[in-house]
Protein backbone atom coordinates (compact mmCIF):
# COMPACT_ATOMS: atom_id res chain seq x y z
CA UNK A 1 -3.37 10.01 27.70
CA UNK A 2 -3.85 11.50 24.27
CA UNK A 3 -7.66 11.35 23.46
CA UNK A 4 -8.44 10.15 20.23
CA UNK A 5 -9.71 11.48 17.07
CA UNK A 6 -11.92 10.41 14.45
CA UNK A 7 -12.01 13.08 11.92
CA UNK A 8 -13.53 13.11 8.71
CA UNK A 9 -12.52 14.86 5.53
CA UNK A 10 -15.58 15.51 3.15
CA UNK A 11 -13.34 16.84 0.36
CA UNK A 12 -15.91 18.72 -2.29
CA UNK A 13 -18.85 16.30 -1.55
CA UNK A 14 -21.63 17.74 0.45
CA UNK A 15 -24.32 20.31 0.53
CA UNK A 16 -26.74 21.50 2.99
CA UNK A 17 -28.88 18.52 2.95
CA UNK A 18 -26.13 16.40 3.56
CA UNK A 19 -25.53 18.11 6.86
CA UNK A 20 -28.53 15.73 8.49
CA UNK A 21 -25.46 13.00 8.37
CA UNK A 22 -23.60 15.10 10.83
CA UNK A 23 -26.70 15.48 13.19
CA UNK A 24 -27.09 11.57 13.03
CA UNK A 25 -23.81 11.10 13.98
CA UNK A 26 -24.40 13.24 17.29
CA UNK A 27 -25.39 10.65 19.34
CA UNK A 28 -22.11 8.25 18.99
CA UNK A 29 -19.93 11.12 19.75
CA UNK A 30 -19.40 10.18 23.20
CA UNK A 31 -17.13 11.66 25.50
CA UNK A 32 -14.72 8.72 25.10
CA UNK A 33 -13.23 10.47 21.62
CA UNK A 34 -13.08 13.71 20.25
CA UNK A 35 -15.13 13.87 16.67
CA UNK A 36 -14.01 16.34 13.83
CA UNK A 37 -15.73 16.97 10.22
CA UNK A 38 -14.65 19.01 7.80
CA UNK A 39 -16.92 19.47 5.15
CA UNK A 40 -16.70 22.24 1.98
CA UNK A 41 -16.05 25.75 3.48
CA UNK A 42 -19.36 27.08 2.05
CA UNK A 43 -20.92 24.44 4.76
CA UNK A 44 -18.85 25.50 7.78
CA UNK A 45 -20.68 27.83 9.48
CA UNK A 46 -24.08 25.89 8.73
CA UNK A 47 -22.22 22.90 10.11
CA UNK A 48 -20.97 24.58 13.30
CA UNK A 49 -24.48 25.91 14.24
CA UNK A 50 -25.72 22.24 14.68
CA UNK A 51 -22.85 20.00 15.18
CA UNK A 52 -22.70 19.90 18.96
CA UNK A 53 -20.18 18.11 20.26
CA UNK A 54 -18.62 17.19 16.91
CA UNK A 55 -15.84 19.64 15.82
CA UNK A 56 -16.01 21.77 12.63
CA UNK A 57 -12.86 22.30 10.41
CA UNK A 58 -11.99 23.28 7.47
CA UNK A 59 -10.36 21.50 4.24
CA UNK A 60 -7.78 24.58 3.46
CA UNK A 61 -6.46 27.86 4.29
CA UNK A 62 -4.63 30.87 3.00
CA UNK A 63 -1.13 31.50 4.77
CA UNK A 64 -2.23 34.91 4.63
CA UNK A 65 -5.19 36.71 7.26
CA UNK A 66 -6.54 38.65 4.65
CA UNK A 67 -5.32 40.13 1.31
CA UNK A 68 -6.08 40.10 -2.62
CA UNK A 69 -6.60 36.58 -2.82
CA UNK A 70 -9.39 35.98 -5.15
CA UNK A 71 -11.25 31.83 -4.14
CA UNK A 72 -9.11 31.96 -1.12
CA UNK A 73 -10.15 30.97 2.56
CA UNK A 74 -8.38 32.26 5.47
CA UNK A 75 -7.75 30.74 9.04
CA UNK A 76 -9.51 33.92 10.37
CA UNK A 77 -12.35 33.63 7.97
CA UNK A 78 -12.94 29.89 9.08
CA UNK A 79 -12.40 30.61 13.14
CA UNK A 80 -15.28 33.31 12.44
CA UNK A 81 -17.32 30.71 10.80
CA UNK A 82 -17.14 28.19 13.70
CA UNK A 83 -14.30 25.95 12.89
CA UNK A 84 -11.45 24.47 15.32
CA UNK A 85 -9.79 22.88 13.23
CA UNK A 86 -8.39 22.64 9.50
CA UNK A 87 -6.36 20.47 7.43
CA UNK A 88 -3.35 21.14 5.78
CA UNK A 89 -0.84 19.80 3.41
CA UNK A 90 -3.44 16.79 2.39
CA UNK A 91 -1.85 15.35 -0.79
CA UNK A 92 -4.85 16.44 -2.68
CA UNK A 93 -3.94 19.90 -2.29
CA UNK A 94 -0.10 19.30 -2.84
CA UNK A 95 -0.68 17.39 -5.87
CA UNK A 96 -3.40 19.39 -7.29
CA UNK A 97 -1.80 23.01 -6.23
CA UNK A 98 1.69 21.93 -6.38
CA UNK A 99 1.73 23.07 -2.44
CA UNK A 100 5.32 22.17 -0.47
CA UNK A 101 6.58 21.78 2.53
CA UNK A 102 7.05 25.66 3.17
CA UNK A 103 3.43 26.14 1.85
CA UNK A 104 1.82 23.79 4.51
CA UNK A 105 4.12 25.14 7.27
CA UNK A 106 2.64 28.69 6.34
CA UNK A 107 -0.82 27.61 6.21
CA UNK A 108 -0.37 25.33 9.73
CA UNK A 109 1.44 28.88 11.33
CA UNK A 110 -1.52 30.96 10.00
CA UNK A 111 -3.90 28.31 11.49
CA UNK A 112 -2.01 28.80 15.12
CA UNK A 113 -2.34 32.70 14.78
CA UNK A 114 -6.12 32.47 13.97
CA UNK A 115 -6.69 30.04 16.91
CA UNK A 116 -7.48 26.68 14.62
CA UNK A 117 -5.73 23.71 15.58
CA UNK A 118 -3.73 22.43 12.24
CA UNK A 119 -4.30 18.77 11.20
CA UNK A 120 -1.14 18.46 9.17
CA UNK A 121 -1.01 15.91 6.65
CA UNK A 122 2.43 13.88 5.52
CA UNK A 123 2.39 10.76 3.00
CA UNK A 124 4.50 8.50 0.09
CA UNK A 125 3.40 7.81 -2.97
CA UNK A 126 3.38 4.11 -4.17
CA UNK A 127 6.61 4.83 -6.20
CA UNK A 128 8.57 6.15 -3.14
CA UNK A 129 7.10 3.31 -1.14
CA UNK A 130 8.25 1.00 -3.69
CA UNK A 131 11.32 2.53 -3.83
CA UNK A 132 12.21 2.48 0.18
CA UNK A 133 12.05 5.89 -0.04
CA UNK A 134 8.83 6.02 2.88
CA UNK A 135 10.61 7.09 5.89
CA UNK A 136 12.83 9.64 3.72
CA UNK A 137 9.94 11.41 2.77
CA UNK A 138 7.58 11.27 5.62
CA UNK A 139 11.04 12.57 7.69
CA UNK A 140 11.77 15.47 4.98
CA UNK A 141 7.76 16.51 5.24
CA UNK A 142 7.09 15.94 8.68
CA UNK A 143 10.30 18.59 9.39
CA UNK A 144 9.51 20.72 6.07
CA UNK A 145 5.58 20.89 7.10
CA UNK A 146 5.36 21.18 10.85
CA UNK A 147 6.45 24.64 12.11
CA UNK A 148 8.55 25.80 15.20
CA UNK A 149 5.93 26.07 18.05
CA UNK A 150 4.11 23.22 17.80
CA UNK A 151 2.30 21.56 20.72
CA UNK A 152 -0.49 18.94 21.48
CA UNK A 153 -3.04 21.98 21.80
CA UNK A 154 -2.21 23.25 18.35
CA UNK A 155 -1.06 20.29 15.96
CA UNK A 156 -2.39 16.87 14.82
CA UNK A 157 -0.57 15.02 12.01
CA UNK A 158 -2.47 12.64 9.58
CA UNK A 159 -0.28 9.89 8.00
CA UNK A 160 -1.97 9.43 4.37
CA UNK A 161 0.18 6.99 2.32
CA UNK A 162 -1.22 9.07 -1.11
CA UNK A 163 -1.69 5.49 -3.27
CA UNK A 164 -4.24 4.43 -0.20
CA UNK A 165 -6.09 7.34 -0.62
CA UNK A 166 -9.30 6.44 -2.18
CA UNK A 167 -7.89 3.51 -3.81
CA UNK A 168 -9.19 0.48 -1.39
CA UNK A 169 -5.41 -0.39 -0.59
CA UNK A 170 -4.28 -0.38 2.68
CA UNK A 171 -0.77 -1.00 4.04
CA UNK A 172 -0.27 -3.55 6.48
CA UNK A 173 -0.52 -2.89 10.11
CA UNK A 174 3.35 -3.12 10.42
CA UNK A 175 4.04 -0.53 7.74
CA UNK A 176 1.44 1.81 9.68
CA UNK A 177 3.33 1.16 13.03
CA UNK A 178 6.35 2.04 11.31
CA UNK A 179 5.65 5.22 10.07
CA UNK A 180 4.02 6.07 13.16
CA UNK A 181 6.80 4.84 15.70
CA UNK A 182 9.06 7.01 13.17
CA UNK A 183 6.93 10.35 13.11
CA UNK A 184 6.61 9.92 16.95
CA UNK A 185 10.36 9.64 17.06
CA UNK A 186 11.03 12.48 14.88
CA UNK A 187 8.35 14.61 16.82
CA UNK A 188 10.42 13.71 20.09
CA UNK A 189 13.82 14.98 18.77
CA UNK A 190 12.66 18.13 17.54
CA UNK A 191 10.36 19.17 20.32
CA UNK A 192 11.08 17.09 22.84
CA UNK A 193 9.66 14.20 24.65
CA UNK A 194 6.69 15.62 26.97
CA UNK A 195 5.13 17.94 23.74
CA UNK A 196 5.90 15.10 21.29
CA UNK A 197 4.13 12.38 23.70
CA UNK A 198 0.89 14.55 23.50
CA UNK A 199 0.35 15.01 19.60
CA UNK A 200 -2.25 13.05 17.98
CA UNK A 201 -1.25 11.33 15.22
CA UNK A 202 -3.76 9.86 12.67
CA UNK A 203 -4.05 7.64 9.91
CA UNK A 204 -6.07 8.05 7.39
CA UNK A 205 -6.37 6.20 3.70
CA UNK A 206 -9.06 3.71 2.92
CA UNK A 207 -10.12 3.70 6.82
CA UNK A 208 -13.72 1.69 6.74
CA UNK A 209 -15.58 -0.34 9.65
CA UNK A 210 -14.35 -3.71 8.55
CA UNK A 211 -10.54 -2.75 9.25
CA UNK A 212 -11.04 0.59 11.64
CA UNK A 213 -10.40 -1.97 14.81
CA UNK A 214 -7.31 -2.98 13.90
CA UNK A 215 -5.67 -0.28 12.76
CA UNK A 216 -6.34 1.82 16.04
CA UNK A 217 -4.69 -1.02 17.81
CA UNK A 218 -1.60 -0.65 15.97
CA UNK A 219 0.76 1.09 17.69
CA UNK A 220 1.05 5.03 18.28
CA UNK A 221 -2.45 5.28 16.08
CA UNK A 222 -4.39 8.48 18.27
CA UNK A 223 -7.07 7.90 15.40
CA UNK A 224 -7.95 8.49 11.65
CA UNK A 225 -8.75 10.93 8.88
CA UNK A 226 -11.16 9.45 7.16
CA UNK A 227 -12.52 10.31 3.43
CA UNK A 228 -15.17 9.00 1.85
CA UNK A 229 -16.27 6.99 4.75
CA UNK A 230 -17.23 9.83 7.04
CA UNK A 231 -19.70 11.39 4.36
CA UNK A 232 -22.68 9.00 5.36
CA UNK A 233 -23.29 8.66 9.03
CA UNK A 234 -24.19 4.65 8.65
CA UNK A 235 -20.23 4.70 7.31
CA UNK A 236 -18.68 6.84 10.12
CA UNK A 237 -20.46 5.76 13.48
CA UNK A 238 -18.72 2.48 13.14
CA UNK A 239 -15.35 3.70 12.74
CA UNK A 240 -16.12 6.28 15.81
CA UNK A 241 -17.64 3.46 17.75
CA UNK A 242 -14.73 0.96 16.58
CA UNK A 243 -12.01 3.88 18.07
CA UNK A 244 -14.07 4.64 21.48
CA UNK A 245 -13.69 1.02 22.13
CA UNK A 246 -9.75 0.75 21.41
């Protein structure tokens, strides 16, 4: 059985005071599911000291362990700060920083090398969805962004349709299920059924308390990567509860 995962991406939001929200989430972090919060890099170390059973992760890492890369953070640094996970390939990184699948794969490998779990993000734009290219795009990104050596222990894959992130728009349950079933099948072709069957597949894109239950009941959805709704315990705890009940 794959352990379900409720992951929160705070993006460039939060403050030292906002870490109180993690404290407020802790009572709902039951043994039934895993919970992960990814705050800005400057808050990772402090979050890790108070998070209890909630895992803490970074939002990005450099492909190199160290070097002349001003402003970047390595996976090794995140690990030392107390992180257990790091998000790689989020659509905002792909768009804002022109990250390619090759870049994402290199960062994911660096995460593994540092002992972190890589949460590898993939997803199509609205034009690609409307053009009938969704599965082609997902297949290409999945093949190019996930390095050889992926296992259930070092990899989580998050499907985040770009057009649904922060917009309030959500694909139909059939569309979500189609992509998640496709990702599972593609992973099985590449890594074998035993490994692919253990890799958790998350859905992300305007997940909130009102739609979480039906999303979590969808085929091959093992949890969620949540943006804005993870910033406050009052919004995120109902999502955690829905996942634990699914």
